[in-house]
Amino acid sequence: MNHKRSFNKIIFNTVKLLLALYALAGILLWTFQDRLIFQATQLPANYQFDFKEPHRELLIPVTEKEKLSIVQFYPTDTTHTKGVVLYFHGNRENITHYAKFAPLFTKHGYEIWMMDYPGYGKSTGTVKEKRLYADALLLYKMAIRQTTKDNILIYGKSLGTGVASELASHEPCKQLILETPYYSFPSLAAQRFPVYPAATMVRYHFPVYEYLQQVKVPITIFHGTEDEVIPYTNSEKLKKVLKTGDVFITINNGKHNNLSEFSEYLQKMDSLLRL
């Protein structure tokens, strides 16, 4: 009898410990979700960008204390510029990490403008969903003063697909291109942390599926089947809300950060940027 009581006590204490660890991990997930999502690399205010591509740096005040860092990359031949690509990058590092993609656009005669989110690179402030949307709109307004809506392409990569989709849902442009998008942040959180009610724990929404239903211009989606960060199923779900004429391109064996190495991606981008 004593052995049975001891065994039951061990089971009870083990379950209690597991529940405590589960609760603690959930609290940590809630508390530190910003660090998990926004993996920024900051740069000092006096940092000098050193890119091979012709470029110009802008530091735009958005409030009395906060500034938005923008880098505009130019084609070599600026006499025949086709338009402007507004590029919204992923959740890691800063513009210095994504500048390597600029030649893909500039070689076709497009300027490509990249902005860093608050706390990334030389941008200051705190990341908030509404702030990202507001900064994207500011970038768009700068572009529309320089060119027409029919010469503006909106491009989103990973985290940036939510920002790009929101902007394209209410501002006219030539087309919207999404690389490795998510369905929504709550949906993605539920996939990444299935043992928690993560969909209700995440503080950000970025409902891409809602925004795409409001986009009037052509949409192109690229996603790899082996994406280890944002599962391919996200784009499969988004495919259901695309309108006639939109394009969904599956990159077999493509991962999250290597789609630009695949001929399917490069060929489609080449055809889109030739238009």
C-alpha atoms as a PDB file:
ATOM      1  CA  MET A   1       0.000   0.000   0.000  1.00  0.00           C
ATOM      2  CA  ASN A   2       2.840   2.360   0.883  1.00  0.00           C
ATOM      3  CA  HIS A   3       4.475   1.603  -2.460  1.00  0.00           C
ATOM      4  CA  LYS A   4       1.260   2.550  -4.254  1.00  0.00           C
ATOM      5  CA  ARG A   5       0.997   5.818  -2.327  1.00  0.00           C
ATOM      6  CA  SER A   6       4.621   6.632  -3.094  1.00  0.00           C
ATOM      7  CA  PHE A   7       4.083   5.881  -6.776  1.00  0.00           C
ATOM      8  CA  ASN A   8       0.956   8.066  -6.895  1.00  0.00           C
ATOM      9  CA  LYS A   9       2.842  10.855  -5.164  1.00  0.00           C
ATOM     10  CA  ILE A  10       5.634  10.639  -7.729  1.00  0.00           C
ATOM     11  CA  ILE A  11       3.102  10.783 -10.572  1.00  0.00           C
ATOM     12  CA  PHE A  12       1.315  13.731  -8.948  1.00  0.00           C
ATOM     13  CA  ASN A  13       4.540  15.667  -8.399  1.00  0.00           C
ATOM     14  CA  THR A  14       5.715  14.917 -11.933  1.00  0.00           C
ATOM     15  CA  VAL A  15       2.459  16.165 -13.435  1.00  0.00           C
ATOM     16  CA  LYS A  16       2.598  19.245 -11.221  1.00  0.00           C
ATOM     17  CA  LEU A  17       6.161  19.960 -12.350  1.00  0.00           C
ATOM     18  CA  LEU A  18       5.255  19.513 -16.021  1.00  0.00           C
ATOM     19  CA  LEU A  19       2.284  21.851 -15.667  1.00  0.00           C
ATOM     20  CA  ALA A  20       4.479  24.431 -13.950  1.00  0.00           C
ATOM     21  CA  LEU A  21       7.061  24.188 -16.738  1.00  0.00           C
ATOM     22  CA  TYR A  22       4.309  24.445 -19.350  1.00  0.00           C
ATOM     23  CA  ALA A  23       2.914  27.562 -17.677  1.00  0.00           C
ATOM     24  CA  LEU A  24       6.382  29.087 -17.301  1.00  0.00           C
ATOM     25  CA  ALA A  25       7.228  28.465 -20.954  1.00  0.00           C
ATOM     26  CA  GLY A  26       3.900  30.028 -21.954  1.00  0.00           C
ATOM     27  CA  ILE A  27       4.621  33.114 -19.860  1.00  0.00           C
ATOM     28  CA  LEU A  28       8.073  33.426 -21.419  1.00  0.00           C
ATOM     29  CA  LEU A  29       6.572  33.017 -24.890  1.00  0.00           C
ATOM     30  CA  TRP A  30       4.087  35.815 -24.205  1.00  0.00           C
ATOM     31  CA  THR A  31       6.650  38.088 -22.551  1.00  0.00           C
ATOM     32  CA  PHE A  32       9.436  37.717 -25.098  1.00  0.00           C
ATOM     33  CA  GLN A  33       7.429  37.292 -28.299  1.00  0.00           C
ATOM     34  CA  ASP A  34       8.749  40.574 -29.690  1.00  0.00           C
ATOM     35  CA  ARG A  35      12.319  39.260 -29.457  1.00  0.00           C
ATOM     36  CA  LEU A  36      11.290  36.052 -31.210  1.00  0.00           C
ATOM     37  CA  ILE A  37       9.494  37.889 -34.006  1.00  0.00           C
ATOM     38  CA  PHE A  38      11.595  41.006 -34.570  1.00  0.00           C
ATOM     39  CA  GLN A  39      15.228  39.885 -34.719  1.00  0.00           C
ATOM     40  CA  ALA A  40      16.638  43.275 -35.544  1.00  0.00           C
ATOM     41  CA  THR A  41      20.253  44.335 -35.884  1.00  0.00           C
ATOM     42  CA  GLN A  42      20.688  47.996 -35.013  1.00  0.00           C
ATOM     43  CA  LEU A  43      23.297  50.279 -36.536  1.00  0.00           C
ATOM     44  CA  PRO A  44      24.895  53.400 -35.029  1.00  0.00           C
ATOM     45  CA  ALA A  45      23.509  56.722 -36.225  1.00  0.00           C
ATOM     46  CA  ASN A  46      26.795  57.576 -37.969  1.00  0.00           C
ATOM     47  CA  TYR A  47      27.016  54.252 -39.825  1.00  0.00           C
ATOM     48  CA  GLN A  48      27.916  54.647 -43.498  1.00  0.00           C
ATOM     49  CA  PHE A  49      26.275  52.225 -45.925  1.00  0.00           C
ATOM     50  CA  ASP A  50      28.743  50.788 -48.418  1.00  0.00           C
ATOM     51  CA  PHE A  51      26.886  49.158 -51.307  1.00  0.00           C
ATOM     52  CA  LYS A  52      28.179  48.461 -54.808  1.00  0.00           C
ATOM     53  CA  GLU A  53      24.875  49.541 -56.338  1.00  0.00           C
ATOM     54  CA  PRO A  54      24.298  53.283 -56.866  1.00  0.00           C
ATOM     55  CA  HIS A  55      22.201  54.380 -53.910  1.00  0.00           C
ATOM     56  CA  ARG A  56      21.061  57.210 -51.704  1.00  0.00           C
ATOM     57  CA  GLU A  57      20.317  57.099 -47.989  1.00  0.00           C
ATOM     58  CA  LEU A  58      17.447  59.009 -46.401  1.00  0.00           C
ATOM     59  CA  LEU A  59      16.661  59.456 -42.717  1.00  0.00           C
ATOM     60  CA  ILE A  60      13.081  60.718 -42.443  1.00  0.00           C
ATOM     61  CA  PRO A  61      11.656  62.117 -39.167  1.00  0.00           C
ATOM     62  CA  VAL A  62       8.326  60.439 -38.389  1.00  0.00           C
ATOM     63  CA  THR A  63       7.943  62.013 -34.931  1.00  0.00           C
ATOM     64  CA  GLU A  64      10.059  64.403 -32.881  1.00  0.00           C
ATOM     65  CA  LYS A  65      12.112  61.461 -31.594  1.00  0.00           C
ATOM     66  CA  GLU A  66      11.715  58.726 -34.208  1.00  0.00           C
ATOM     67  CA  LYS A  67      13.305  58.419 -37.636  1.00  0.00           C
ATOM     68  CA  LEU A  68      12.792  56.103 -40.600  1.00  0.00           C
ATOM     69  CA  SER A  69      15.875  54.833 -42.436  1.00  0.00           C
ATOM     70  CA  ILE A  70      15.442  54.353 -46.193  1.00  0.00           C
ATOM     71  CA  VAL A  71      17.941  53.316 -48.853  1.00  0.00           C
ATOM     72  CA  GLN A  72      17.079  53.955 -52.500  1.00  0.00           C
ATOM     73  CA  PHE A  73      18.972  51.813 -55.013  1.00  0.00           C
ATOM     74  CA  TYR A  74      19.180  53.052 -58.604  1.00  0.00           C
ATOM     75  CA  PRO A  75      19.762  51.365 -61.956  1.00  0.00           C
ATOM     76  CA  THR A  76      23.055  52.221 -63.635  1.00  0.00           C
ATOM     77  CA  ASP A  77      21.216  53.920 -66.501  1.00  0.00           C
ATOM     78  CA  THR A  78      18.925  56.416 -64.785  1.00  0.00           C
ATOM     79  CA  THR A  79      17.725  57.915 -68.076  1.00  0.00           C
ATOM     80  CA  HIS A  80      15.292  55.023 -68.620  1.00  0.00           C
ATOM     81  CA  THR A  81      13.991  54.277 -65.128  1.00  0.00           C
ATOM     82  CA  LYS A  82      10.837  52.158 -65.352  1.00  0.00           C
ATOM     83  CA  GLY A  83       9.517  52.915 -61.914  1.00  0.00           C
ATOM     84  CA  VAL A  84       9.944  52.171 -58.218  1.00  0.00           C
ATOM     85  CA  VAL A  85       9.821  48.910 -56.261  1.00  0.00           C
ATOM     86  CA  LEU A  86       8.848  49.345 -52.612  1.00  0.00           C
ATOM     87  CA  TYR A  87      10.569  46.433 -50.862  1.00  0.00           C
ATOM     88  CA  PHE A  88       9.486  45.345 -47.371  1.00  0.00           C
ATOM     89  CA  HIS A  89      11.996  42.921 -45.915  1.00  0.00           C
ATOM     90  CA  GLY A  90      11.890  40.058 -43.451  1.00  0.00           C
ATOM     91  CA  ASN A  91      12.177  39.973 -39.668  1.00  0.00           C
ATOM     92  CA  ARG A  92      15.958  39.581 -39.425  1.00  0.00           C
ATOM     93  CA  GLU A  93      18.875  42.017 -39.353  1.00  0.00           C
ATOM     94  CA  ASN A  94      18.413  45.164 -41.491  1.00  0.00           C
ATOM     95  CA  ILE A  95      18.790  46.626 -44.991  1.00  0.00           C
ATOM     96  CA  THR A  96      22.446  45.563 -45.180  1.00  0.00           C
ATOM     97  CA  HIS A  97      21.262  41.945 -45.259  1.00  0.00           C
ATOM     98  CA  TYR A  98      18.691  42.483 -48.035  1.00  0.00           C
ATOM     99  CA  ALA A  99      20.666  44.845 -50.282  1.00  0.00           C
ATOM    100  CA  LYS A 100      22.010  41.810 -52.159  1.00  0.00           C
ATOM    101  CA  PHE A 101      18.580  41.482 -53.805  1.00  0.00           C
ATOM    102  CA  ALA A 102      18.651  45.010 -55.249  1.00  0.00           C
ATOM    103  CA  PRO A 103      20.380  44.057 -58.559  1.00  0.00           C
ATOM    104  CA  LEU A 104      17.480  41.759 -59.421  1.00  0.00           C
ATOM    105  CA  PHE A 105      15.349  44.881 -59.789  1.00  0.00           C
ATOM    106  CA  THR A 106      17.833  47.549 -60.840  1.00  0.00           C
ATOM    107  CA  LYS A 107      19.080  45.512 -63.804  1.00  0.00           C
ATOM    108  CA  HIS A 108      15.551  45.768 -65.198  1.00  0.00           C
ATOM    109  CA  GLY A 109      15.551  49.541 -64.870  1.00  0.00           C
ATOM    110  CA  TYR A 110      13.688  49.852 -61.572  1.00  0.00           C
ATOM    111  CA  GLU A 111      14.664  51.807 -58.520  1.00  0.00           C
ATOM    112  CA  ILE A 112      14.216  49.745 -55.376  1.00  0.00           C
ATOM    113  CA  TRP A 113      13.501  51.456 -52.083  1.00  0.00           C
ATOM    114  CA  MET A 114      14.070  49.561 -48.841  1.00  0.00           C
ATOM    115  CA  MET A 115      13.048  50.806 -45.425  1.00  0.00           C
ATOM    116  CA  ASP A 116      14.127  49.473 -42.050  1.00  0.00           C
ATOM    117  CA  TYR A 117      11.443  48.854 -39.451  1.00  0.00           C
ATOM    118  CA  PRO A 118      11.665  50.683 -36.083  1.00  0.00           C
ATOM    119  CA  GLY A 119      14.662  49.377 -34.153  1.00  0.00           C
ATOM    120  CA  TYR A 120      16.223  47.912 -37.308  1.00  0.00           C
ATOM    121  CA  GLY A 121      19.365  49.433 -38.799  1.00  0.00           C
ATOM    122  CA  LYS A 122      19.283  53.194 -38.303  1.00  0.00           C
ATOM    123  CA  SER A 123      15.508  53.442 -37.871  1.00  0.00           C
ATOM    124  CA  THR A 124      14.502  54.391 -34.351  1.00  0.00           C
ATOM    125  CA  GLY A 125      11.453  53.726 -32.232  1.00  0.00           C
ATOM    126  CA  THR A 126       9.525  50.622 -31.244  1.00  0.00           C
ATOM    127  CA  VAL A 127       7.919  48.120 -33.586  1.00  0.00           C
ATOM    128  CA  LYS A 128       4.139  48.326 -33.611  1.00  0.00           C
ATOM    129  CA  GLU A 129       1.865  46.933 -36.290  1.00  0.00           C
ATOM    130  CA  LYS A 130       0.240  50.312 -36.974  1.00  0.00           C
ATOM    131  CA  ARG A 131       3.649  52.002 -37.109  1.00  0.00           C
ATOM    132  CA  LEU A 132       4.802  49.570 -39.818  1.00  0.00           C
ATOM    133  CA  TYR A 133       1.706  50.332 -41.868  1.00  0.00           C
ATOM    134  CA  ALA A 134       2.200  54.074 -41.378  1.00  0.00           C
ATOM    135  CA  ASP A 135       5.864  53.914 -42.411  1.00  0.00           C
ATOM    136  CA  ALA A 136       4.937  51.906 -45.515  1.00  0.00           C
ATOM    137  CA  LEU A 137       2.357  54.527 -46.463  1.00  0.00           C
ATOM    138  CA  LEU A 138       4.945  57.274 -46.007  1.00  0.00           C
ATOM    139  CA  LEU A 139       7.271  55.402 -48.383  1.00  0.00           C
ATOM    140  CA  TYR A 140       4.449  55.040 -50.908  1.00  0.00           C
ATOM    141  CA  LYS A 141       3.610  58.754 -50.740  1.00  0.00           C
ATOM    142  CA  MET A 142       7.245  59.555 -51.460  1.00  0.00           C
ATOM    143  CA  ALA A 143       7.138  57.285 -54.510  1.00  0.00           C
ATOM    144  CA  ILE A 144       3.854  58.641 -55.860  1.00  0.00           C
ATOM    145  CA  ARG A 145       5.360  62.139 -55.849  1.00  0.00           C
ATOM    146  CA  GLN A 146       8.090  60.860 -58.156  1.00  0.00           C
ATOM    147  CA  THR A 147       6.189  58.526 -60.481  1.00  0.00           C
ATOM    148  CA  THR A 148       2.687  57.256 -61.270  1.00  0.00           C
ATOM    149  CA  LYS A 149       0.791  54.442 -59.576  1.00  0.00           C
ATOM    150  CA  ASP A 150       1.222  52.298 -62.689  1.00  0.00           C
ATOM    151  CA  ASN A 151       4.990  52.389 -62.189  1.00  0.00           C
ATOM    152  CA  ILE A 152       5.004  51.346 -58.523  1.00  0.00           C
ATOM    153  CA  LEU A 153       5.550  47.687 -57.582  1.00  0.00           C
ATOM    154  CA  ILE A 154       5.027  46.547 -54.003  1.00  0.00           C
ATOM    155  CA  TYR A 155       7.177  43.614 -52.863  1.00  0.00           C
ATOM    156  CA  GLY A 156       7.018  41.839 -49.515  1.00  0.00           C
ATOM    157  CA  LYS A 157       9.317  39.142 -48.156  1.00  0.00           C
ATOM    158  CA  SER A 158       8.401  37.021 -45.115  1.00  0.00           C
ATOM    159  CA  LEU A 159       7.429  39.483 -42.333  1.00  0.00           C
ATOM    160  CA  GLY A 160       7.179  42.186 -44.985  1.00  0.00           C
ATOM    161  CA  THR A 161       4.368  40.358 -46.815  1.00  0.00           C
ATOM    162  CA  GLY A 162       1.907  41.610 -44.210  1.00  0.00           C
ATOM    163  CA  VAL A 163       3.122  45.190 -44.564  1.00  0.00           C
ATOM    164  CA  ALA A 164       3.116  44.987 -48.370  1.00  0.00           C
ATOM    165  CA  SER A 165      -0.361  43.428 -48.518  1.00  0.00           C
ATOM    166  CA  GLU A 166      -1.864  46.037 -46.213  1.00  0.00           C
ATOM    167  CA  LEU A 167      -0.419  48.849 -48.328  1.00  0.00           C
ATOM    168  CA  ALA A 168      -1.600  47.327 -51.620  1.00  0.00           C
ATOM    169  CA  SER A 169      -5.077  46.794 -50.171  1.00  0.00           C
ATOM    170  CA  HIS A 170      -5.763  50.541 -50.191  1.00  0.00           C
ATOM    171  CA  GLU A 171      -3.139  52.194 -52.407  1.00  0.00           C
ATOM    172  CA  PRO A 172      -3.069  51.711 -56.210  1.00  0.00           C
ATOM    173  CA  CYS A 173       0.039  50.210 -57.769  1.00  0.00           C
ATOM    174  CA  LYS A 174       1.150  48.105 -60.737  1.00  0.00           C
ATOM    175  CA  GLN A 175       1.355  44.777 -58.935  1.00  0.00           C
ATOM    176  CA  LEU A 176       1.923  43.072 -55.597  1.00  0.00           C
ATOM    177  CA  ILE A 177       4.601  40.385 -55.243  1.00  0.00           C
ATOM    178  CA  LEU A 178       4.844  38.235 -52.110  1.00  0.00           C
ATOM    179  CA  GLU A 179       7.726  35.935 -51.211  1.00  0.00           C
ATOM    180  CA  THR A 180       7.052  33.300 -48.513  1.00  0.00           C
ATOM    181  CA  PRO A 181       3.918  34.950 -47.063  1.00  0.00           C
ATOM    182  CA  TYR A 182       1.955  33.877 -43.991  1.00  0.00           C
ATOM    183  CA  TYR A 183      -1.827  33.582 -43.732  1.00  0.00           C
ATOM    184  CA  SER A 184      -1.921  35.715 -40.581  1.00  0.00           C
ATOM    185  CA  PHE A 185       0.227  36.019 -37.473  1.00  0.00           C
ATOM    186  CA  PRO A 186      -2.261  34.211 -35.186  1.00  0.00           C
ATOM    187  CA  SER A 187      -2.477  31.367 -37.697  1.00  0.00           C
ATOM    188  CA  LEU A 188       1.311  31.163 -37.994  1.00  0.00           C
ATOM    189  CA  ALA A 189       1.747  31.250 -34.209  1.00  0.00           C
ATOM    190  CA  ALA A 190      -0.691  28.353 -33.843  1.00  0.00           C
ATOM    191  CA  GLN A 191       1.400  26.347 -36.320  1.00  0.00           C
ATOM    192  CA  ARG A 192       4.702  27.143 -34.650  1.00  0.00           C
ATOM    193  CA  PHE A 193       3.520  26.552 -31.067  1.00  0.00           C
ATOM    194  CA  PRO A 194       0.697  24.002 -31.286  1.00  0.00           C
ATOM    195  CA  VAL A 195       0.785  23.071 -27.582  1.00  0.00           C
ATOM    196  CA  TYR A 196      -0.298  26.599 -26.617  1.00  0.00           C
ATOM    197  CA  PRO A 197      -3.330  28.730 -27.510  1.00  0.00           C
ATOM    198  CA  ALA A 198      -0.784  30.787 -29.444  1.00  0.00           C
ATOM    199  CA  ALA A 199      -3.342  32.338 -31.781  1.00  0.00           C
ATOM    200  CA  THR A 200      -4.789  34.249 -28.829  1.00  0.00           C
ATOM    201  CA  MET A 201      -1.404  34.978 -27.250  1.00  0.00           C
ATOM    202  CA  VAL A 202       0.252  36.793 -30.145  1.00  0.00           C
ATOM    203  CA  ARG A 203      -0.010  40.593 -30.012  1.00  0.00           C
ATOM    204  CA  TYR A 204       0.169  41.098 -33.782  1.00  0.00           C
ATOM    205  CA  HIS A 205      -2.354  40.258 -36.471  1.00  0.00           C
ATOM    206  CA  PHE A 206      -1.071  41.049 -39.986  1.00  0.00           C
ATOM    207  CA  PRO A 207      -4.119  39.365 -41.586  1.00  0.00           C
ATOM    208  CA  VAL A 208      -2.692  38.862 -45.071  1.00  0.00           C
ATOM    209  CA  TYR A 209      -5.693  36.778 -46.117  1.00  0.00           C
ATOM    210  CA  GLU A 210      -8.000  39.746 -45.460  1.00  0.00           C
ATOM    211  CA  TYR A 211      -5.803  42.267 -47.242  1.00  0.00           C
ATOM    212  CA  LEU A 212      -5.401  40.167 -50.388  1.00  0.00           C
ATOM    213  CA  GLN A 213      -9.159  40.120 -50.889  1.00  0.00           C
ATOM    214  CA  GLN A 214      -9.061  43.923 -51.173  1.00  0.00           C
ATOM    215  CA  VAL A 215      -6.122  44.131 -53.604  1.00  0.00           C
ATOM    216  CA  LYS A 216      -7.299  45.122 -57.081  1.00  0.00           C
ATOM    217  CA  VAL A 217      -3.987  44.710 -58.942  1.00  0.00           C
ATOM    218  CA  PRO A 218      -2.318  41.439 -60.026  1.00  0.00           C
ATOM    219  CA  ILE A 219      -0.776  39.398 -57.211  1.00  0.00           C
ATOM    220  CA  THR A 220       2.097  36.931 -57.530  1.00  0.00           C
ATOM    221  CA  ILE A 221       3.000  34.590 -54.663  1.00  0.00           C
ATOM    222  CA  PHE A 222       6.214  32.558 -54.383  1.00  0.00           C
ATOM    223  CA  HIS A 223       6.595  29.845 -51.752  1.00  0.00           C
ATOM    224  CA  GLY A 224       8.910  26.865 -51.295  1.00  0.00           C
ATOM    225  CA  THR A 225       7.603  23.463 -50.285  1.00  0.00           C
ATOM    226  CA  GLU A 226      10.394  22.999 -47.715  1.00  0.00           C
ATOM    227  CA  ASP A 227      10.012  26.369 -45.980  1.00  0.00           C
ATOM    228  CA  GLU A 228      11.193  25.800 -42.413  1.00  0.00           C
ATOM    229  CA  VAL A 229      10.056  29.191 -41.069  1.00  0.00           C
ATOM    230  CA  ILE A 230       6.652  29.877 -42.649  1.00  0.00           C
ATOM    231  CA  PRO A 231       5.160  26.547 -43.743  1.00  0.00           C
ATOM    232  CA  TYR A 232       4.097  26.203 -47.365  1.00  0.00           C
ATOM    233  CA  THR A 233       0.531  25.527 -46.182  1.00  0.00           C
ATOM    234  CA  ASN A 234       0.194  29.265 -45.471  1.00  0.00           C
ATOM    235  CA  SER A 235       0.350  30.064 -49.176  1.00  0.00           C
ATOM    236  CA  GLU A 236      -1.888  27.115 -50.003  1.00  0.00           C
ATOM    237  CA  LYS A 237      -4.537  28.734 -47.813  1.00  0.00           C
ATOM    238  CA  LEU A 238      -3.898  32.154 -49.361  1.00  0.00           C
ATOM    239  CA  LYS A 239      -4.370  30.654 -52.811  1.00  0.00           C
ATOM    240  CA  LYS A 240      -8.060  30.220 -51.978  1.00  0.00           C
ATOM    241  CA  VAL A 241      -8.576  33.993 -51.660  1.00  0.00           C
ATOM    242  CA  LEU A 242      -6.714  34.972 -54.830  1.00  0.00           C
ATOM    243  CA  LYS A 243      -8.752  36.447 -57.662  1.00  0.00           C
ATOM    244  CA  THR A 244      -8.786  35.375 -61.298  1.00  0.00           C
ATOM    245  CA  GLY A 245      -5.491  36.270 -62.943  1.00  0.00           C
ATOM    246  CA  ASP A 246      -3.395  36.146 -59.779  1.00  0.00           C
ATOM    247  CA  VAL A 247      -0.455  33.742 -59.829  1.00  0.00           C
ATOM    248  CA  PHE A 248       0.683  31.216 -57.220  1.00  0.00           C
ATOM    249  CA  ILE A 249       4.114  29.706 -57.866  1.00  0.00           C
ATOM    250  CA  THR A 250       5.315  26.659 -55.968  1.00  0.00           C
ATOM    251  CA  ILE A 251       9.084  26.240 -55.699  1.00  0.00           C
ATOM    252  CA  ASN A 252       9.673  22.531 -55.156  1.00  0.00           C
ATOM    253  CA  ASN A 253      12.319  21.955 -52.451  1.00  0.00           C
ATOM    254  CA  GLY A 254      12.557  25.703 -51.885  1.00  0.00           C
ATOM    255  CA  LYS A 255      13.286  26.846 -48.332  1.00  0.00           C
ATOM    256  CA  HIS A 256      12.605  30.152 -46.636  1.00  0.00           C
ATOM    257  CA  ASN A 257      15.665  32.085 -47.719  1.00  0.00           C
ATOM    258  CA  ASN A 258      16.827  30.501 -50.961  1.00  0.00           C
ATOM    259  CA  LEU A 259      14.057  31.042 -53.514  1.00  0.00           C
ATOM    260  CA  SER A 260      16.257  33.428 -55.504  1.00  0.00           C
ATOM    261  CA  GLU A 261      18.505  30.449 -56.290  1.00  0.00           C
ATOM    262  CA  PHE A 262      15.744  28.668 -58.234  1.00  0.00           C
ATOM    263  CA  SER A 263      15.171  29.130 -61.948  1.00  0.00           C
ATOM    264  CA  GLU A 264      11.374  29.170 -61.500  1.00  0.00           C
ATOM    265  CA  TYR A 265      11.649  32.240 -59.283  1.00  0.00           C
ATOM    266  CA  LEU A 266      14.194  34.031 -61.465  1.00  0.00           C
ATOM    267  CA  GLN A 267      12.317  33.372 -64.699  1.00  0.00           C
ATOM    268  CA  LYS A 268       9.007  34.595 -63.303  1.00  0.00           C
ATOM    269  CA  MET A 269      10.601  37.680 -61.761  1.00  0.00           C
ATOM    270  CA  ASP A 270      12.318  38.392 -65.064  1.00  0.00           C
ATOM    271  CA  SER A 271       8.981  38.290 -66.891  1.00  0.00           C
ATOM    272  CA  LEU A 272       7.259  40.462 -64.259  1.00  0.00           C
ATOM    273  CA  LEU A 273       9.974  43.104 -64.341  1.00  0.00           C
ATOM    274  CA  ARG A 274      10.123  43.192 -68.125  1.00  0.00           C
ATOM    275  CA  LEU A 275       6.525  44.409 -68.300  1.00  0.00           C
END
